[in-house]
């Protein structure tokens, strides 16, 4: 064991290791579960050896644009006449906002349905108390359009940056 390995790590060292893990996650070198496990180990590390073990199998710190593989260009979709078909932009933001609500609504409705069938009569539809207000606020957010349009612009900006590389 060399002198550095046994030395106690500082908070700044843990933060630097966490940043390396975040970059590795963005580059696709780690999945979310593994990133979470390593992040817990990084913040719990006491020595430099503990921190080095967390990032031992990751490449050194290289800029993300040099480490990333360039994505293949996707051909534009065309119809039978050869005209370019719209890609359907704009639905990704709405889907991101509404999909958690739809999942929860489906689960709560299934629970209500099974409970009602088990009791022999359809009771009061109680999931409305959970999904009703949430749905109202999501509807207001969707009608206002601010958040999903911002998310769509961010996604478009990311795609443009990737194309420029």
N, C-alpha and C. Protein backbone atom coordinates (compact mmCIF):
# COMPACT_ATOMS: atom_id res chain seq x y z
N UNK A 1 0.85 -1.17 0.00
CA UNK A 1 0.00 0.00 0.00
C UNK A 1 0.89 1.23 0.00
N UNK A 2 0.72 2.10 -1.00
CA UNK A 2 1.53 3.31 -1.01
C UNK A 2 0.93 4.34 -0.04
N UNK A 3 1.63 5.44 0.15
CA UNK A 3 1.22 6.43 1.14
C UNK A 3 -0.13 7.06 0.85
N UNK A 4 -0.46 7.28 -0.42
CA UNK A 4 -1.72 7.93 -0.78
C UNK A 4 -2.93 7.05 -0.52
N UNK A 5 -2.81 5.76 -0.77
CA UNK A 5 -3.95 4.86 -0.64
C UNK A 5 -4.52 4.83 0.77
N UNK A 6 -3.65 4.93 1.77
CA UNK A 6 -4.12 4.86 3.14
C UNK A 6 -4.57 6.20 3.71
N UNK A 7 -4.35 7.28 2.96
CA UNK A 7 -4.72 8.60 3.47
C UNK A 7 -6.23 8.79 3.43
N UNK A 8 -6.75 9.56 4.36
CA UNK A 8 -8.18 9.85 4.43
C UNK A 8 -8.57 10.80 3.29
N UNK A 9 -9.70 10.53 2.67
CA UNK A 9 -10.20 11.34 1.56
C UNK A 9 -11.01 12.51 2.11
N UNK A 10 -10.97 13.63 1.41
CA UNK A 10 -11.73 14.81 1.79
C UNK A 10 -13.06 14.84 1.04
N UNK A 11 -13.95 15.73 1.46
CA UNK A 11 -15.23 15.88 0.79
C UNK A 11 -15.05 16.28 -0.68
N UNK A 12 -14.06 17.12 -0.95
CA UNK A 12 -13.80 17.53 -2.34
C UNK A 12 -13.40 16.34 -3.20
N UNK A 13 -12.66 15.38 -2.63
CA UNK A 13 -12.28 14.17 -3.37
C UNK A 13 -13.50 13.32 -3.67
N UNK A 14 -14.41 13.22 -2.69
CA UNK A 14 -15.65 12.45 -2.90
C UNK A 14 -16.50 13.12 -3.98
N UNK A 15 -16.56 14.44 -3.96
CA UNK A 15 -17.32 15.17 -4.98
C UNK A 15 -16.72 14.96 -6.37
N UNK A 16 -15.39 14.97 -6.47
CA UNK A 16 -14.73 14.76 -7.77
C UNK A 16 -15.03 13.35 -8.29
N UNK A 17 -15.02 12.37 -7.39
CA UNK A 17 -15.35 11.00 -7.79
C UNK A 17 -16.80 10.91 -8.23
N UNK A 18 -17.69 11.58 -7.50
CA UNK A 18 -19.11 11.59 -7.88
C UNK A 18 -19.29 12.23 -9.25
N UNK A 19 -18.52 13.25 -9.55
CA UNK A 19 -18.59 13.89 -10.87
C UNK A 19 -18.12 12.94 -11.96
N UNK A 20 -17.06 12.19 -11.71
CA UNK A 20 -16.59 11.20 -12.69
C UNK A 20 -17.66 10.14 -12.94
N UNK A 21 -18.35 9.73 -11.87
CA UNK A 21 -19.42 8.75 -12.02
C UNK A 21 -20.58 9.33 -12.84
N UNK A 22 -20.90 10.61 -12.60
CA UNK A 22 -21.98 11.25 -13.36
C UNK A 22 -21.63 11.30 -14.85
N UNK A 23 -20.39 11.63 -15.16
CA UNK A 23 -19.95 11.68 -16.56
C UNK A 23 -20.03 10.28 -17.17
N UNK A 24 -19.62 9.27 -16.42
CA UNK A 24 -19.69 7.89 -16.92
C UNK A 24 -21.13 7.48 -17.16
N UNK A 25 -22.05 7.93 -16.32
CA UNK A 25 -23.47 7.64 -16.52
C UNK A 25 -23.97 8.30 -17.79
N UNK A 26 -23.61 9.57 -18.01
CA UNK A 26 -24.04 10.27 -19.21
C UNK A 26 -23.45 9.67 -20.47
N UNK A 27 -22.25 9.12 -20.38
CA UNK A 27 -21.62 8.50 -21.55
C UNK A 27 -22.17 7.10 -21.81
N UNK A 28 -22.95 6.57 -20.89
CA UNK A 28 -23.51 5.23 -21.06
C UNK A 28 -22.61 4.12 -20.56
N UNK A 29 -21.57 4.47 -19.83
CA UNK A 29 -20.66 3.45 -19.31
C UNK A 29 -21.24 2.75 -18.08
N UNK A 30 -22.17 3.41 -17.39
CA UNK A 30 -22.83 2.85 -16.21
C UNK A 30 -24.33 2.93 -16.42
N UNK A 31 -25.05 1.92 -15.91
CA UNK A 31 -26.49 2.05 -15.90
C UNK A 31 -26.89 2.74 -14.59
N UNK A 32 -28.14 3.09 -14.47
CA UNK A 32 -28.59 3.88 -13.33
C UNK A 32 -28.41 3.15 -12.01
N UNK A 33 -28.67 1.85 -12.01
CA UNK A 33 -28.53 1.06 -10.78
C UNK A 33 -27.06 1.02 -10.33
N UNK A 34 -26.18 0.75 -11.26
CA UNK A 34 -24.76 0.69 -10.92
C UNK A 34 -24.23 2.06 -10.49
N UNK A 35 -24.71 3.11 -11.15
CA UNK A 35 -24.33 4.47 -10.77
C UNK A 35 -24.73 4.76 -9.33
N UNK A 36 -25.95 4.37 -8.98
CA UNK A 36 -26.43 4.59 -7.62
C UNK A 36 -25.59 3.84 -6.59
N UNK A 37 -25.28 2.58 -6.88
CA UNK A 37 -24.45 1.79 -5.97
C UNK A 37 -23.07 2.42 -5.79
N UNK A 38 -22.46 2.83 -6.88
CA UNK A 38 -21.12 3.41 -6.81
C UNK A 38 -21.14 4.77 -6.12
N UNK A 39 -22.20 5.52 -6.32
CA UNK A 39 -22.30 6.82 -5.68
C UNK A 39 -22.39 6.67 -4.16
N UNK A 40 -23.14 5.68 -3.71
CA UNK A 40 -23.22 5.41 -2.27
C UNK A 40 -21.84 5.03 -1.74
N UNK A 41 -21.14 4.19 -2.48
CA UNK A 41 -19.78 3.79 -2.05
C UNK A 41 -18.83 4.98 -2.06
N UNK A 42 -18.97 5.87 -3.04
CA UNK A 42 -18.08 7.03 -3.13
C UNK A 42 -18.28 7.97 -1.94
N UNK A 43 -19.53 8.25 -1.60
CA UNK A 43 -19.78 9.15 -0.48
C UNK A 43 -19.49 8.49 0.87
N UNK A 44 -19.44 7.17 0.89
CA UNK A 44 -19.10 6.46 2.12
C UNK A 44 -17.62 6.14 2.24
N UNK A 45 -16.83 6.48 1.23
CA UNK A 45 -15.40 6.16 1.22
C UNK A 45 -14.66 6.97 2.29
N UNK A 46 -13.73 6.30 2.94
CA UNK A 46 -12.92 6.96 3.97
C UNK A 46 -11.52 7.27 3.46
N UNK A 47 -10.98 6.43 2.57
CA UNK A 47 -9.60 6.62 2.11
C UNK A 47 -9.58 6.77 0.58
N UNK A 48 -8.42 7.19 0.09
CA UNK A 48 -8.25 7.29 -1.35
C UNK A 48 -8.36 5.93 -2.02
N UNK A 49 -7.95 4.87 -1.33
CA UNK A 49 -8.06 3.52 -1.90
C UNK A 49 -9.53 3.17 -2.13
N UNK A 50 -10.40 3.56 -1.20
CA UNK A 50 -11.84 3.31 -1.38
C UNK A 50 -12.38 4.06 -2.60
N UNK A 51 -11.95 5.31 -2.76
CA UNK A 51 -12.40 6.10 -3.91
C UNK A 51 -11.86 5.53 -5.22
N UNK A 52 -10.59 5.10 -5.20
CA UNK A 52 -10.00 4.53 -6.42
C UNK A 52 -10.72 3.25 -6.83
N UNK A 53 -11.17 2.46 -5.85
CA UNK A 53 -11.87 1.22 -6.16
C UNK A 53 -13.20 1.49 -6.85
N UNK A 54 -13.84 2.62 -6.55
CA UNK A 54 -15.15 2.95 -7.14
C UNK A 54 -15.02 3.23 -8.64
N UNK A 55 -13.90 3.83 -9.05
CA UNK A 55 -13.74 4.22 -10.46
C UNK A 55 -12.63 3.43 -11.16
N UNK A 56 -12.22 2.30 -10.58
CA UNK A 56 -11.08 1.56 -11.11
C UNK A 56 -11.31 1.07 -12.54
N UNK A 57 -12.53 0.66 -12.89
CA UNK A 57 -12.77 0.11 -14.22
C UNK A 57 -13.26 1.16 -15.22
N UNK A 58 -13.28 2.42 -14.83
CA UNK A 58 -13.70 3.49 -15.73
C UNK A 58 -12.47 4.14 -16.36
N UNK A 59 -12.59 4.61 -17.60
CA UNK A 59 -11.44 5.28 -18.22
C UNK A 59 -11.15 6.59 -17.51
N UNK A 60 -9.98 7.13 -17.77
CA UNK A 60 -9.59 8.39 -17.15
C UNK A 60 -10.51 9.52 -17.54
N UNK A 61 -10.25 10.66 -17.01
CA UNK A 61 -11.12 11.80 -17.30
C UNK A 61 -10.80 12.35 -18.67
N UNK A 62 -11.66 12.02 -19.61
CA UNK A 62 -11.55 12.56 -20.96
C UNK A 62 -12.81 13.36 -21.22
N UNK A 63 -12.72 14.38 -22.01
CA UNK A 63 -13.93 15.14 -22.33
C UNK A 63 -14.98 14.23 -22.96
N UNK A 64 -16.22 14.47 -22.62
CA UNK A 64 -17.30 13.61 -23.09
C UNK A 64 -17.41 13.59 -24.60
N UNK A 65 -17.11 14.70 -25.27
CA UNK A 65 -17.27 14.73 -26.72
C UNK A 65 -16.22 13.87 -27.42
N UNK A 66 -15.08 13.63 -26.78
CA UNK A 66 -14.06 12.77 -27.39
C UNK A 66 -14.30 11.31 -27.06
N UNK A 67 -14.95 11.03 -25.92
CA UNK A 67 -15.17 9.65 -25.52
C UNK A 67 -16.42 9.06 -26.15
N UNK A 68 -17.35 9.90 -26.54
CA UNK A 68 -18.62 9.40 -27.06
C UNK A 68 -18.47 8.93 -28.50
N UNK A 69 -19.23 7.90 -28.83
CA UNK A 69 -19.28 7.40 -30.19
C UNK A 69 -20.33 8.21 -30.93
N UNK A 70 -20.00 8.64 -32.12
CA UNK A 70 -20.94 9.45 -32.90
C UNK A 70 -22.13 8.59 -33.31
N UNK A 71 -23.36 9.07 -33.09
CA UNK A 71 -24.54 8.30 -33.48
C UNK A 71 -24.69 8.27 -34.99
N UNK A 72 -25.22 7.17 -35.49
CA UNK A 72 -25.46 7.04 -36.92
C UNK A 72 -26.61 7.96 -37.32
N UNK A 73 -26.47 8.58 -38.48
CA UNK A 73 -27.52 9.46 -38.97
C UNK A 73 -28.72 8.62 -39.38
N UNK A 74 -29.90 9.06 -38.97
CA UNK A 74 -31.11 8.34 -39.33
C UNK A 74 -31.70 8.96 -40.59
N UNK A 75 -32.05 8.12 -41.55
CA UNK A 75 -32.65 8.67 -42.76
C UNK A 75 -34.04 9.21 -42.45
N UNK A 76 -34.42 10.27 -43.15
CA UNK A 76 -35.74 10.86 -42.96
C UNK A 76 -36.79 9.89 -43.48
N UNK A 77 -37.90 9.80 -42.76
CA UNK A 77 -38.99 8.93 -43.19
C UNK A 77 -39.70 9.57 -44.38
N UNK A 78 -40.02 8.76 -45.37
CA UNK A 78 -40.71 9.27 -46.55
C UNK A 78 -41.95 8.45 -46.81
N UNK A 79 -42.93 9.09 -47.43
CA UNK A 79 -44.13 8.35 -47.80
C UNK A 79 -43.92 7.72 -49.18
N UNK A 80 -44.98 7.14 -49.75
CA UNK A 80 -44.85 6.45 -51.04
C UNK A 80 -44.43 7.39 -52.16
N UNK A 81 -44.79 8.67 -52.08
CA UNK A 81 -44.45 9.63 -53.12
C UNK A 81 -43.05 10.21 -52.97
N UNK A 82 -42.36 9.86 -51.90
CA UNK A 82 -41.02 10.35 -51.69
C UNK A 82 -40.96 11.62 -50.86
N UNK A 83 -42.12 12.14 -50.41
CA UNK A 83 -42.12 13.35 -49.59
C UNK A 83 -41.73 12.98 -48.16
N UNK A 84 -41.02 13.90 -47.51
CA UNK A 84 -40.57 13.65 -46.14
C UNK A 84 -41.77 13.75 -45.21
N UNK A 85 -41.91 12.75 -44.33
CA UNK A 85 -43.01 12.69 -43.38
C UNK A 85 -42.54 13.31 -42.08
N UNK A 86 -43.41 14.04 -41.42
CA UNK A 86 -43.05 14.67 -40.14
C UNK A 86 -42.73 13.59 -39.11
N UNK A 87 -41.76 13.89 -38.25
CA UNK A 87 -41.29 12.90 -37.29
C UNK A 87 -42.15 12.81 -36.06
N UNK A 88 -43.15 13.65 -35.89
CA UNK A 88 -44.03 13.56 -34.74
C UNK A 88 -43.44 14.21 -33.50
N UNK A 89 -42.63 15.24 -33.67
CA UNK A 89 -42.06 15.93 -32.51
C UNK A 89 -43.15 16.56 -31.68
N UNK A 90 -42.89 16.70 -30.40
CA UNK A 90 -43.84 17.35 -29.53
C UNK A 90 -44.59 16.37 -28.66
N UNK A 91 -44.66 15.12 -29.05
CA UNK A 91 -45.39 14.14 -28.25
C UNK A 91 -44.54 13.60 -27.12
N UNK A 92 -43.23 13.67 -27.24
CA UNK A 92 -42.36 13.13 -26.19
C UNK A 92 -42.51 13.86 -24.88
N UNK A 93 -42.66 15.19 -24.93
CA UNK A 93 -42.82 15.96 -23.70
C UNK A 93 -44.14 15.65 -23.02
N UNK A 94 -45.21 15.56 -23.80
CA UNK A 94 -46.51 15.23 -23.22
C UNK A 94 -46.51 13.82 -22.64
N UNK A 95 -45.87 12.91 -23.32
CA UNK A 95 -45.81 11.55 -22.82
C UNK A 95 -45.04 11.48 -21.51
N UNK A 96 -43.96 12.25 -21.42
CA UNK A 96 -43.17 12.26 -20.20
C UNK A 96 -43.97 12.83 -19.03
N UNK A 97 -44.81 13.80 -19.29
CA UNK A 97 -45.61 14.39 -18.22
C UNK A 97 -46.76 13.48 -17.81
N UNK A 98 -47.45 12.89 -18.77
CA UNK A 98 -48.68 12.15 -18.48
C UNK A 98 -48.47 10.67 -18.17
N UNK A 99 -47.36 10.06 -18.58
CA UNK A 99 -47.21 8.61 -18.37
C UNK A 99 -47.20 8.20 -16.90
N UNK A 100 -46.57 8.93 -15.97
CA UNK A 100 -46.69 8.51 -14.57
C UNK A 100 -48.14 8.56 -14.07
N UNK A 101 -48.86 9.58 -14.48
CA UNK A 101 -50.26 9.70 -14.05
C UNK A 101 -51.08 8.54 -14.60
N UNK A 102 -50.85 8.19 -15.86
CA UNK A 102 -51.59 7.08 -16.46
C UNK A 102 -51.29 5.76 -15.77
N UNK A 103 -50.02 5.55 -15.41
CA UNK A 103 -49.67 4.32 -14.70
C UNK A 103 -50.37 4.24 -13.34
N UNK A 104 -50.29 5.33 -12.59
CA UNK A 104 -50.91 5.33 -11.26
C UNK A 104 -52.42 5.19 -11.39
N UNK A 105 -53.02 5.87 -12.34
CA UNK A 105 -54.47 5.76 -12.55
C UNK A 105 -54.85 4.32 -12.89
N UNK A 106 -54.08 3.67 -13.73
CA UNK A 106 -54.36 2.27 -14.07
C UNK A 106 -54.23 1.34 -12.88
N UNK A 107 -53.20 1.54 -12.08
CA UNK A 107 -53.00 0.69 -10.90
C UNK A 107 -54.11 0.90 -9.88
N UNK A 108 -54.43 2.17 -9.58
CA UNK A 108 -55.49 2.43 -8.60
C UNK A 108 -56.85 1.95 -9.09
N UNK A 109 -57.13 2.11 -10.37
CA UNK A 109 -58.39 1.63 -10.92
C UNK A 109 -58.47 0.11 -10.85
N UNK A 110 -57.36 -0.57 -11.12
CA UNK A 110 -57.34 -2.04 -11.01
C UNK A 110 -57.59 -2.47 -9.57
N UNK A 111 -56.99 -1.80 -8.61
CA UNK A 111 -57.22 -2.13 -7.19
C UNK A 111 -58.68 -1.91 -6.83
N UNK A 112 -59.23 -0.78 -7.26
CA UNK A 112 -60.64 -0.49 -6.99
C UNK A 112 -61.55 -1.55 -7.61
N UNK A 113 -61.23 -1.94 -8.85
CA UNK A 113 -62.05 -2.92 -9.55
C UNK A 113 -62.00 -4.28 -8.86
N UNK A 114 -60.80 -4.72 -8.50
CA UNK A 114 -60.69 -6.02 -7.80
C UNK A 114 -61.38 -5.98 -6.44
N UNK A 115 -61.26 -4.89 -5.73
CA UNK A 115 -61.92 -4.77 -4.43
C UNK A 115 -63.43 -4.75 -4.60
N UNK A 116 -63.91 -4.06 -5.63
CA UNK A 116 -65.35 -4.01 -5.87
C UNK A 116 -65.90 -5.37 -6.28
N UNK A 117 -65.17 -6.08 -7.14
CA UNK A 117 -65.63 -7.42 -7.56
C UNK A 117 -65.59 -8.39 -6.39
N UNK A 118 -64.59 -8.22 -5.53
CA UNK A 118 -64.49 -9.10 -4.36
C UNK A 118 -65.62 -8.88 -3.37
N UNK A 119 -66.10 -7.64 -3.26
CA UNK A 119 -67.18 -7.35 -2.31
C UNK A 119 -68.56 -7.62 -2.91
N UNK A 120 -68.64 -7.77 -4.21
CA UNK A 120 -69.91 -8.10 -4.84
C UNK A 120 -70.67 -6.91 -5.39
N UNK A 121 -70.25 -5.70 -5.12
CA UNK A 121 -70.92 -4.52 -5.69
C UNK A 121 -69.89 -3.43 -5.97
N UNK A 122 -70.23 -2.61 -6.98
CA UNK A 122 -69.32 -1.53 -7.33
C UNK A 122 -69.47 -0.41 -6.30
N UNK A 123 -68.40 -0.15 -5.61
CA UNK A 123 -68.42 0.91 -4.61
C UNK A 123 -68.08 2.26 -5.22
N UNK A 124 -67.95 3.23 -4.36
CA UNK A 124 -67.57 4.58 -4.79
C UNK A 124 -66.19 4.52 -5.45
N UNK A 125 -66.02 5.22 -6.54
CA UNK A 125 -64.74 5.23 -7.26
C UNK A 125 -63.76 6.13 -6.51
N UNK A 126 -63.14 5.58 -5.48
CA UNK A 126 -62.23 6.34 -4.63
C UNK A 126 -60.93 6.77 -5.28
N UNK A 127 -60.42 6.12 -6.34
CA UNK A 127 -59.17 6.61 -6.95
C UNK A 127 -59.25 8.04 -7.47
N UNK A 128 -60.48 8.55 -7.67
CA UNK A 128 -60.62 9.92 -8.15
C UNK A 128 -60.01 10.91 -7.17
N UNK A 129 -59.97 10.57 -5.88
CA UNK A 129 -59.41 11.49 -4.89
C UNK A 129 -57.89 11.60 -5.02
N UNK A 130 -57.26 10.62 -5.57
CA UNK A 130 -55.81 10.67 -5.78
C UNK A 130 -55.46 11.19 -7.18
N UNK A 131 -56.14 10.64 -8.19
CA UNK A 131 -55.76 10.99 -9.56
C UNK A 131 -56.46 12.24 -10.08
N UNK A 132 -57.58 12.64 -9.44
CA UNK A 132 -58.32 13.82 -9.89
C UNK A 132 -57.51 15.11 -9.76
N UNK A 133 -57.06 15.47 -8.55
CA UNK A 133 -56.28 16.71 -8.42
C UNK A 133 -54.98 16.67 -9.22
N UNK A 134 -54.32 15.52 -9.20
CA UNK A 134 -53.08 15.38 -9.95
C UNK A 134 -53.34 15.61 -11.44
N UNK A 135 -54.41 14.98 -11.95
CA UNK A 135 -54.77 15.15 -13.35
C UNK A 135 -55.13 16.58 -13.69
N UNK A 136 -55.81 17.26 -12.75
CA UNK A 136 -56.17 18.66 -12.97
C UNK A 136 -54.91 19.51 -13.14
N UNK A 137 -53.93 19.34 -12.26
CA UNK A 137 -52.71 20.13 -12.36
C UNK A 137 -51.90 19.78 -13.61
N UNK A 138 -51.91 18.51 -13.98
CA UNK A 138 -51.23 18.13 -15.22
C UNK A 138 -51.93 18.73 -16.43
N UNK A 139 -53.25 18.77 -16.38
CA UNK A 139 -54.00 19.37 -17.48
C UNK A 139 -53.68 20.86 -17.59
N UNK A 140 -53.62 21.54 -16.47
CA UNK A 140 -53.27 22.97 -16.48
C UNK A 140 -51.86 23.17 -17.02
N UNK A 141 -50.97 22.28 -16.63
CA UNK A 141 -49.59 22.36 -17.10
C UNK A 141 -49.52 22.09 -18.61
N UNK A 142 -50.31 21.15 -19.07
CA UNK A 142 -50.32 20.81 -20.49
C UNK A 142 -50.94 21.94 -21.31
N UNK A 143 -52.04 22.50 -20.82
CA UNK A 143 -52.69 23.59 -21.54
C UNK A 143 -51.78 24.80 -21.58
N UNK A 144 -51.10 25.08 -20.44
CA UNK A 144 -50.15 26.17 -20.42
C UNK A 144 -48.96 25.87 -21.31
N UNK A 145 -48.55 24.62 -21.32
CA UNK A 145 -47.54 24.14 -22.24
C UNK A 145 -46.12 24.52 -21.94
N UNK A 146 -45.88 25.22 -20.85
CA UNK A 146 -44.54 25.72 -20.61
C UNK A 146 -43.53 24.60 -20.39
N UNK A 147 -43.82 23.68 -19.52
CA UNK A 147 -42.81 22.69 -19.12
C UNK A 147 -42.50 21.71 -20.25
N UNK A 148 -43.52 21.16 -20.91
CA UNK A 148 -43.20 20.17 -21.94
C UNK A 148 -42.56 20.82 -23.14
N UNK A 149 -42.88 22.07 -23.42
CA UNK A 149 -42.20 22.74 -24.53
C UNK A 149 -40.75 22.99 -24.19
N UNK A 150 -40.48 23.32 -22.92
CA UNK A 150 -39.09 23.52 -22.49
C UNK A 150 -38.33 22.21 -22.59
N UNK A 151 -38.96 21.10 -22.19
CA UNK A 151 -38.32 19.80 -22.29
C UNK A 151 -38.06 19.43 -23.74
N UNK A 152 -39.00 19.77 -24.61
CA UNK A 152 -38.83 19.49 -26.03
C UNK A 152 -37.66 20.30 -26.59
N UNK A 153 -37.54 21.57 -26.19
CA UNK A 153 -36.43 22.40 -26.66
C UNK A 153 -35.09 21.85 -26.16
N UNK A 154 -35.05 21.38 -24.89
CA UNK A 154 -33.82 20.81 -24.37
C UNK A 154 -33.44 19.56 -25.16
N UNK A 155 -34.42 18.71 -25.45
CA UNK A 155 -34.14 17.51 -26.23
C UNK A 155 -33.65 17.84 -27.62
N UNK A 156 -34.25 18.85 -28.24
CA UNK A 156 -33.83 19.27 -29.57
C UNK A 156 -32.41 19.83 -29.52
N UNK A 157 -32.09 20.60 -28.47
CA UNK A 157 -30.74 21.16 -28.33
C UNK A 157 -29.71 20.05 -28.16
N UNK A 158 -30.05 19.02 -27.39
CA UNK A 158 -29.12 17.88 -27.22
C UNK A 158 -28.87 17.18 -28.54
N UNK A 159 -29.95 16.96 -29.30
CA UNK A 159 -29.78 16.30 -30.60
C UNK A 159 -28.91 17.14 -31.53
N UNK A 160 -29.11 18.44 -31.51
CA UNK A 160 -28.29 19.31 -32.36
C UNK A 160 -26.83 19.26 -31.96
N UNK A 161 -26.55 19.25 -30.64
CA UNK A 161 -25.16 19.18 -30.18
C UNK A 161 -24.53 17.87 -30.60
N UNK A 162 -25.28 16.78 -30.52
CA UNK A 162 -24.74 15.47 -30.92
C UNK A 162 -24.46 15.44 -32.42
N UNK A 163 -25.29 16.07 -33.21
CA UNK A 163 -25.08 16.08 -34.65
C UNK A 163 -23.83 16.89 -35.02
N UNK A 164 -23.57 17.96 -34.26
CA UNK A 164 -22.42 18.80 -34.55
C UNK A 164 -21.11 18.09 -34.26
N UNK A 165 -21.11 17.12 -33.37
CA UNK A 165 -19.87 16.41 -33.01
C UNK A 165 -19.45 15.61 -34.14
